[in-house]
Amino acid sequence: MALDPQLLEILACPDTHHAPLIYDAEAQTLTCTECGRIFEVRDDVPVLLLDEARGGPGQSS
């Protein structure tokens, strides 16, 4: 099951800039268009926790 397109329209990065996210269905990830953080999608649920994101400012992927 894929993420609902209406949900994808409103999802945003949880950091202060709240930038849009790009969904990669094959990798099951959401990537922030501003900071580059990568958030996993587990069992069709986006995990939008900054502590669990990969990449982004000051981090290596």
PDB file of N, CA and C in Angstrom:
ATOM      1  N   MET A   1       0.844  -1.184   0.000  1.00  0.00           N
ATOM      2  CA  MET A   1       0.000   0.000   0.000  1.00  0.00           C
ATOM      3  C   MET A   1       0.888   1.246   0.000  1.00  0.00           C
ATOM      4  N   ALA A   2       0.586   2.204  -0.827  1.00  0.00           N
ATOM      5  CA  ALA A   2       1.364   3.437  -0.927  1.00  0.00           C
ATOM      6  C   ALA A   2       0.742   4.522  -0.061  1.00  0.00           C
ATOM      7  N   LEU A   3       1.525   5.574   0.168  1.00  0.00           N
ATOM      8  CA  LEU A   3       0.996   6.706   0.929  1.00  0.00           C
ATOM      9  C   LEU A   3      -0.078   7.425   0.134  1.00  0.00           C
ATOM     10  N   ASP A   4      -1.074   7.895   0.822  1.00  0.00           N
ATOM     11  CA  ASP A   4      -2.182   8.626   0.217  1.00  0.00           C
ATOM     12  C   ASP A   4      -1.667   9.925  -0.413  1.00  0.00           C
ATOM     13  N   PRO A   5      -1.982  10.190  -1.678  1.00  0.00           N
ATOM     14  CA  PRO A   5      -1.520  11.415  -2.346  1.00  0.00           C
ATOM     15  C   PRO A   5      -1.944  12.695  -1.614  1.00  0.00           C
ATOM     16  N   GLN A   6      -3.124  12.685  -0.994  1.00  0.00           N
ATOM     17  CA  GLN A   6      -3.564  13.865  -0.243  1.00  0.00           C
ATOM     18  C   GLN A   6      -2.689  14.084   0.992  1.00  0.00           C
ATOM     19  N   LEU A   7      -2.257  13.006   1.619  1.00  0.00           N
ATOM     20  CA  LEU A   7      -1.352  13.117   2.763  1.00  0.00           C
ATOM     21  C   LEU A   7      -0.011  13.676   2.313  1.00  0.00           C
ATOM     22  N   LEU A   8       0.493  13.186   1.191  1.00  0.00           N
ATOM     23  CA  LEU A   8       1.780  13.665   0.680  1.00  0.00           C
ATOM     24  C   LEU A   8       1.759  15.167   0.395  1.00  0.00           C
ATOM     25  N   GLU A   9       0.613  15.690  -0.006  1.00  0.00           N
ATOM     26  CA  GLU A   9       0.493  17.119  -0.296  1.00  0.00           C
ATOM     27  C   GLU A   9       0.676  17.976   0.954  1.00  0.00           C
ATOM     28  N   ILE A  10       0.301  17.476   2.117  1.00  0.00           N
ATOM     29  CA  ILE A  10       0.363  18.289   3.327  1.00  0.00           C
ATOM     30  C   ILE A  10       1.554  17.979   4.234  1.00  0.00           C
ATOM     31  N   LEU A  11       2.256  16.872   3.981  1.00  0.00           N
ATOM     32  CA  LEU A  11       3.412  16.544   4.808  1.00  0.00           C
ATOM     33  C   LEU A  11       4.514  17.568   4.588  1.00  0.00           C
ATOM     34  N   ALA A  12       5.225  17.899   5.674  1.00  0.00           N
ATOM     35  CA  ALA A  12       6.331  18.843   5.605  1.00  0.00           C
ATOM     36  C   ALA A  12       7.409  18.418   6.599  1.00  0.00           C
ATOM     37  N   CYS A  13       8.606  18.898   6.379  1.00  0.00           N
ATOM     38  CA  CYS A  13       9.720  18.613   7.275  1.00  0.00           C
ATOM     39  C   CYS A  13       9.372  19.136   8.672  1.00  0.00           C
ATOM     40  N   PRO A  14       9.669  18.366   9.712  1.00  0.00           N
ATOM     41  CA  PRO A  14       9.346  18.812  11.063  1.00  0.00           C
ATOM     42  C   PRO A  14      10.295  19.880  11.599  1.00  0.00           C
ATOM     43  N   ASP A  15      11.370  20.196  10.884  1.00  0.00           N
ATOM     44  CA  ASP A  15      12.278  21.255  11.319  1.00  0.00           C
ATOM     45  C   ASP A  15      11.578  22.606  11.153  1.00  0.00           C
ATOM     46  N   THR A  16      12.187  23.666  11.634  1.00  0.00           N
ATOM     47  CA  THR A  16      11.542  24.980  11.669  1.00  0.00           C
ATOM     48  C   THR A  16      11.174  25.545  10.304  1.00  0.00           C
ATOM     49  N   HIS A  17      11.823  25.087   9.227  1.00  0.00           N
ATOM     50  CA  HIS A  17      11.523  25.617   7.886  1.00  0.00           C
ATOM     51  C   HIS A  17      10.276  24.987   7.266  1.00  0.00           C
ATOM     52  N   HIS A  18       9.852  23.832   7.742  1.00  0.00           N
ATOM     53  CA  HIS A  18       8.637  23.144   7.276  1.00  0.00           C
ATOM     54  C   HIS A  18       8.563  23.040   5.749  1.00  0.00           C
ATOM     55  N   ALA A  19       9.670  22.682   5.137  1.00  0.00           N
ATOM     56  CA  ALA A  19       9.738  22.550   3.679  1.00  0.00           C
ATOM     57  C   ALA A  19       8.994  21.292   3.219  1.00  0.00           C
ATOM     58  N   PRO A  20       8.558  21.285   1.961  1.00  0.00           N
ATOM     59  CA  PRO A  20       7.886  20.100   1.403  1.00  0.00           C
ATOM     60  C   PRO A  20       8.829  18.891   1.363  1.00  0.00           C
ATOM     61  N   LEU A  21       8.227  17.715   1.316  1.00  0.00           N
ATOM     62  CA  LEU A  21       8.974  16.464   1.252  1.00  0.00           C
ATOM     63  C   LEU A  21       8.717  15.775  -0.078  1.00  0.00           C
ATOM     64  N   ILE A  22       9.736  15.083  -0.577  1.00  0.00           N
ATOM     65  CA  ILE A  22       9.611  14.307  -1.813  1.00  0.00           C
ATOM     66  C   ILE A  22       9.574  12.828  -1.435  1.00  0.00           C
ATOM     67  N   TYR A  23       8.565  12.120  -1.927  1.00  0.00           N
ATOM     68  CA  TYR A  23       8.360  10.708  -1.596  1.00  0.00           C
ATOM     69  C   TYR A  23       9.037   9.818  -2.621  1.00  0.00           C
ATOM     70  N   ASP A  24       9.827   8.872  -2.139  1.00  0.00           N
ATOM     71  CA  ASP A  24      10.441   7.850  -2.981  1.00  0.00           C
ATOM     72  C   ASP A  24       9.774   6.527  -2.602  1.00  0.00           C
ATOM     73  N   ALA A  25       8.816   6.097  -3.412  1.00  0.00           N
ATOM     74  CA  ALA A  25       8.029   4.899  -3.096  1.00  0.00           C
ATOM     75  C   ALA A  25       8.888   3.641  -3.070  1.00  0.00           C
ATOM     76  N   GLU A  26       9.867   3.557  -3.948  1.00  0.00           N
ATOM     77  CA  GLU A  26      10.717   2.363  -4.012  1.00  0.00           C
ATOM     78  C   GLU A  26      11.587   2.240  -2.759  1.00  0.00           C
ATOM     79  N   ALA A  27      12.179   3.362  -2.336  1.00  0.00           N
ATOM     80  CA  ALA A  27      13.048   3.352  -1.156  1.00  0.00           C
ATOM     81  C   ALA A  27      12.269   3.483   0.146  1.00  0.00           C
ATOM     82  N   GLN A  28      10.967   3.834   0.037  1.00  0.00           N
ATOM     83  CA  GLN A  28      10.129   4.069   1.208  1.00  0.00           C
ATOM     84  C   GLN A  28      10.735   5.151   2.102  1.00  0.00           C
ATOM     85  N   THR A  29      11.030   6.314   1.486  1.00  0.00           N
ATOM     86  CA  THR A  29      11.589   7.445   2.205  1.00  0.00           C
ATOM     87  C   THR A  29      10.932   8.745   1.760  1.00  0.00           C
ATOM     88  N   LEU A  30      11.050   9.743   2.617  1.00  0.00           N
ATOM     89  CA  LEU A  30      10.636  11.109   2.317  1.00  0.00           C
ATOM     90  C   LEU A  30      11.873  11.978   2.507  1.00  0.00           C
ATOM     91  N   THR A  31      12.174  12.827   1.529  1.00  0.00           N
ATOM     92  CA  THR A  31      13.356  13.676   1.592  1.00  0.00           C
ATOM     93  C   THR A  31      12.946  15.134   1.613  1.00  0.00           C
ATOM     94  N   CYS A  32      13.523  15.884   2.547  1.00  0.00           N
ATOM     95  CA  CYS A  32      13.226  17.308   2.662  1.00  0.00           C
ATOM     96  C   CYS A  32      13.862  18.061   1.506  1.00  0.00           C
ATOM     97  N   THR A  33      13.090  18.947   0.888  1.00  0.00           N
ATOM     98  CA  THR A  33      13.581  19.711  -0.263  1.00  0.00           C
ATOM     99  C   THR A  33      14.519  20.837   0.156  1.00  0.00           C
ATOM    100  N   GLU A  34      14.565  21.151   1.445  1.00  0.00           N
ATOM    101  CA  GLU A  34      15.444  22.239   1.895  1.00  0.00           C
ATOM    102  C   GLU A  34      16.698  21.746   2.606  1.00  0.00           C
ATOM    103  N   CYS A  35      16.543  20.917   3.624  1.00  0.00           N
ATOM    104  CA  CYS A  35      17.706  20.505   4.414  1.00  0.00           C
ATOM    105  C   CYS A  35      18.288  19.161   3.983  1.00  0.00           C
ATOM    106  N   GLY A  36      17.555  18.406   3.182  1.00  0.00           N
ATOM    107  CA  GLY A  36      18.062  17.132   2.686  1.00  0.00           C
ATOM    108  C   GLY A  36      17.909  15.959   3.635  1.00  0.00           C
ATOM    109  N   ARG A  37      17.284  16.169   4.782  1.00  0.00           N
ATOM    110  CA  ARG A  37      17.072  15.039   5.690  1.00  0.00           C
ATOM    111  C   ARG A  37      16.200  13.986   5.017  1.00  0.00           C
ATOM    112  N   ILE A  38      16.478  12.725   5.345  1.00  0.00           N
ATOM    113  CA  ILE A  38      15.725  11.605   4.785  1.00  0.00           C
ATOM    114  C   ILE A  38      14.987  10.919   5.924  1.00  0.00           C
ATOM    115  N   PHE A  39      13.667  10.834   5.779  1.00  0.00           N
ATOM    116  CA  PHE A  39      12.797  10.217   6.776  1.00  0.00           C
ATOM    117  C   PHE A  39      12.271   8.897   6.221  1.00  0.00           C
ATOM    118  N   GLU A  40      12.299   7.862   7.035  1.00  0.00           N
ATOM    119  CA  GLU A  40      11.801   6.556   6.606  1.00  0.00           C
ATOM    120  C   GLU A  40      10.278   6.500   6.667  1.00  0.00           C
ATOM    121  N   VAL A  41       9.724   5.631   5.825  1.00  0.00           N
ATOM    122  CA  VAL A  41       8.298   5.298   5.880  1.00  0.00           C
ATOM    123  C   VAL A  41       8.248   3.831   6.289  1.00  0.00           C
ATOM    124  N   ARG A  42       7.695   3.571   7.465  1.00  0.00           N
ATOM    125  CA  ARG A  42       7.630   2.201   7.995  1.00  0.00           C
ATOM    126  C   ARG A  42       6.179   1.746   8.049  1.00  0.00           C
ATOM    127  N   ASP A  43       5.901   0.651   7.404  1.00  0.00           N
ATOM    128  CA  ASP A  43       4.527   0.107   7.371  1.00  0.00           C
ATOM    129  C   ASP A  43       3.521   1.172   6.950  1.00  0.00           C
ATOM    130  N   ASP A  44       3.896   1.941   5.910  1.00  0.00           N
ATOM    131  CA  ASP A  44       3.058   3.005   5.339  1.00  0.00           C
ATOM    132  C   ASP A  44       2.812   4.173   6.295  1.00  0.00           C
ATOM    133  N   VAL A  45       3.672   4.315   7.317  1.00  0.00           N
ATOM    134  CA  VAL A  45       3.562   5.433   8.257  1.00  0.00           C
ATOM    135  C   VAL A  45       4.861   6.246   8.193  1.00  0.00           C
ATOM    136  N   PRO A  46       4.781   7.538   7.816  1.00  0.00           N
ATOM    137  CA  PRO A  46       5.977   8.376   7.789  1.00  0.00           C
ATOM    138  C   PRO A  46       6.504   8.603   9.210  1.00  0.00           C
ATOM    139  N   VAL A  47       7.803   8.389   9.393  1.00  0.00           N
ATOM    140  CA  VAL A  47       8.441   8.615  10.687  1.00  0.00           C
ATOM    141  C   VAL A  47       9.146   9.969  10.601  1.00  0.00           C
ATOM    142  N   LEU A  48       8.441  11.018  11.005  1.00  0.00           N
ATOM    143  CA  LEU A  48       8.948  12.384  10.865  1.00  0.00           C
ATOM    144  C   LEU A  48       9.557  12.881  12.174  1.00  0.00           C
ATOM    145  N   LEU A  49      10.525  12.136  12.664  1.00  0.00           N
ATOM    146  CA  LEU A  49      11.246  12.497  13.877  1.00  0.00           C
ATOM    147  C   LEU A  49      12.650  12.936  13.492  1.00  0.00           C
ATOM    148  N   LEU A  50      13.036  14.154  13.892  1.00  0.00           N
ATOM    149  CA  LEU A  50      14.353  14.666  13.532  1.00  0.00           C
ATOM    150  C   LEU A  50      15.468  13.757  14.043  1.00  0.00           C
ATOM    151  N   ASP A  51      15.286  13.160  15.218  1.00  0.00           N
ATOM    152  CA  ASP A  51      16.310  12.290  15.793  1.00  0.00           C
ATOM    153  C   ASP A  51      16.514  11.005  14.989  1.00  0.00           C
ATOM    154  N   GLU A  52      15.532  10.606  14.218  1.00  0.00           N
ATOM    155  CA  GLU A  52      15.641   9.366  13.446  1.00  0.00           C
ATOM    156  C   GLU A  52      15.940   9.615  11.964  1.00  0.00           C
ATOM    157  N   ALA A  53      16.003  10.868  11.559  1.00  0.00           N
ATOM    158  CA  ALA A  53      16.282  11.196  10.157  1.00  0.00           C
ATOM    159  C   ALA A  53      17.754  10.945   9.844  1.00  0.00           C
ATOM    160  N   ARG A  54      17.995  10.683   8.570  1.00  0.00           N
ATOM    161  CA  ARG A  54      19.376  10.528   8.081  1.00  0.00           C
ATOM    162  C   ARG A  54      19.740  11.759   7.292  1.00  0.00           C
ATOM    163  N   GLY A  55      21.022  12.095   7.273  1.00  0.00           N
ATOM    164  CA  GLY A  55      21.490  13.232   6.489  1.00  0.00           C
ATOM    165  C   GLY A  55      21.076  14.548   7.093  1.00  0.00           C
ATOM    166  N   GLY A  56      21.124  15.569   6.296  1.00  0.00           N
ATOM    167  CA  GLY A  56      20.745  16.885   6.766  1.00  0.00           C
ATOM    168  C   GLY A  56      21.924  17.679   7.305  1.00  0.00           C
ATOM    169  N   PRO A  57      21.665  18.841   7.897  1.00  0.00           N
ATOM    170  CA  PRO A  57      22.717  19.724   8.382  1.00  0.00           C
ATOM    171  C   PRO A  57      23.611  19.080   9.426  1.00  0.00           C
ATOM    172  N   GLY A  58      24.905  19.139   9.188  1.00  0.00           N
ATOM    173  CA  GLY A  58      25.867  18.631  10.162  1.00  0.00           C
ATOM    174  C   GLY A  58      25.931  17.131  10.298  1.00  0.00           C
ATOM    175  N   GLN A  59      25.261  16.400   9.417  1.00  0.00           N
ATOM    176  CA  GLN A  59      25.247  14.939   9.487  1.00  0.00           C
ATOM    177  C   GLN A  59      25.696  14.371   8.153  1.00  0.00           C
ATOM    178  N   SER A  60      26.256  13.188   8.212  1.00  0.00           N
ATOM    179  CA  SER A  60      26.554  12.495   6.964  1.00  0.00           C
ATOM    180  C   SER A  60      25.537  11.387   6.791  1.00  0.00           C
ATOM    181  N   SER A  61      25.201  11.074   5.549  1.00  0.00           N
ATOM    182  CA  SER A  61      24.164  10.067   5.284  1.00  0.00           C
ATOM    183  C   SER A  61      24.611   8.735   5.657  1.00  0.00           C
TER     184      SER A  61
END
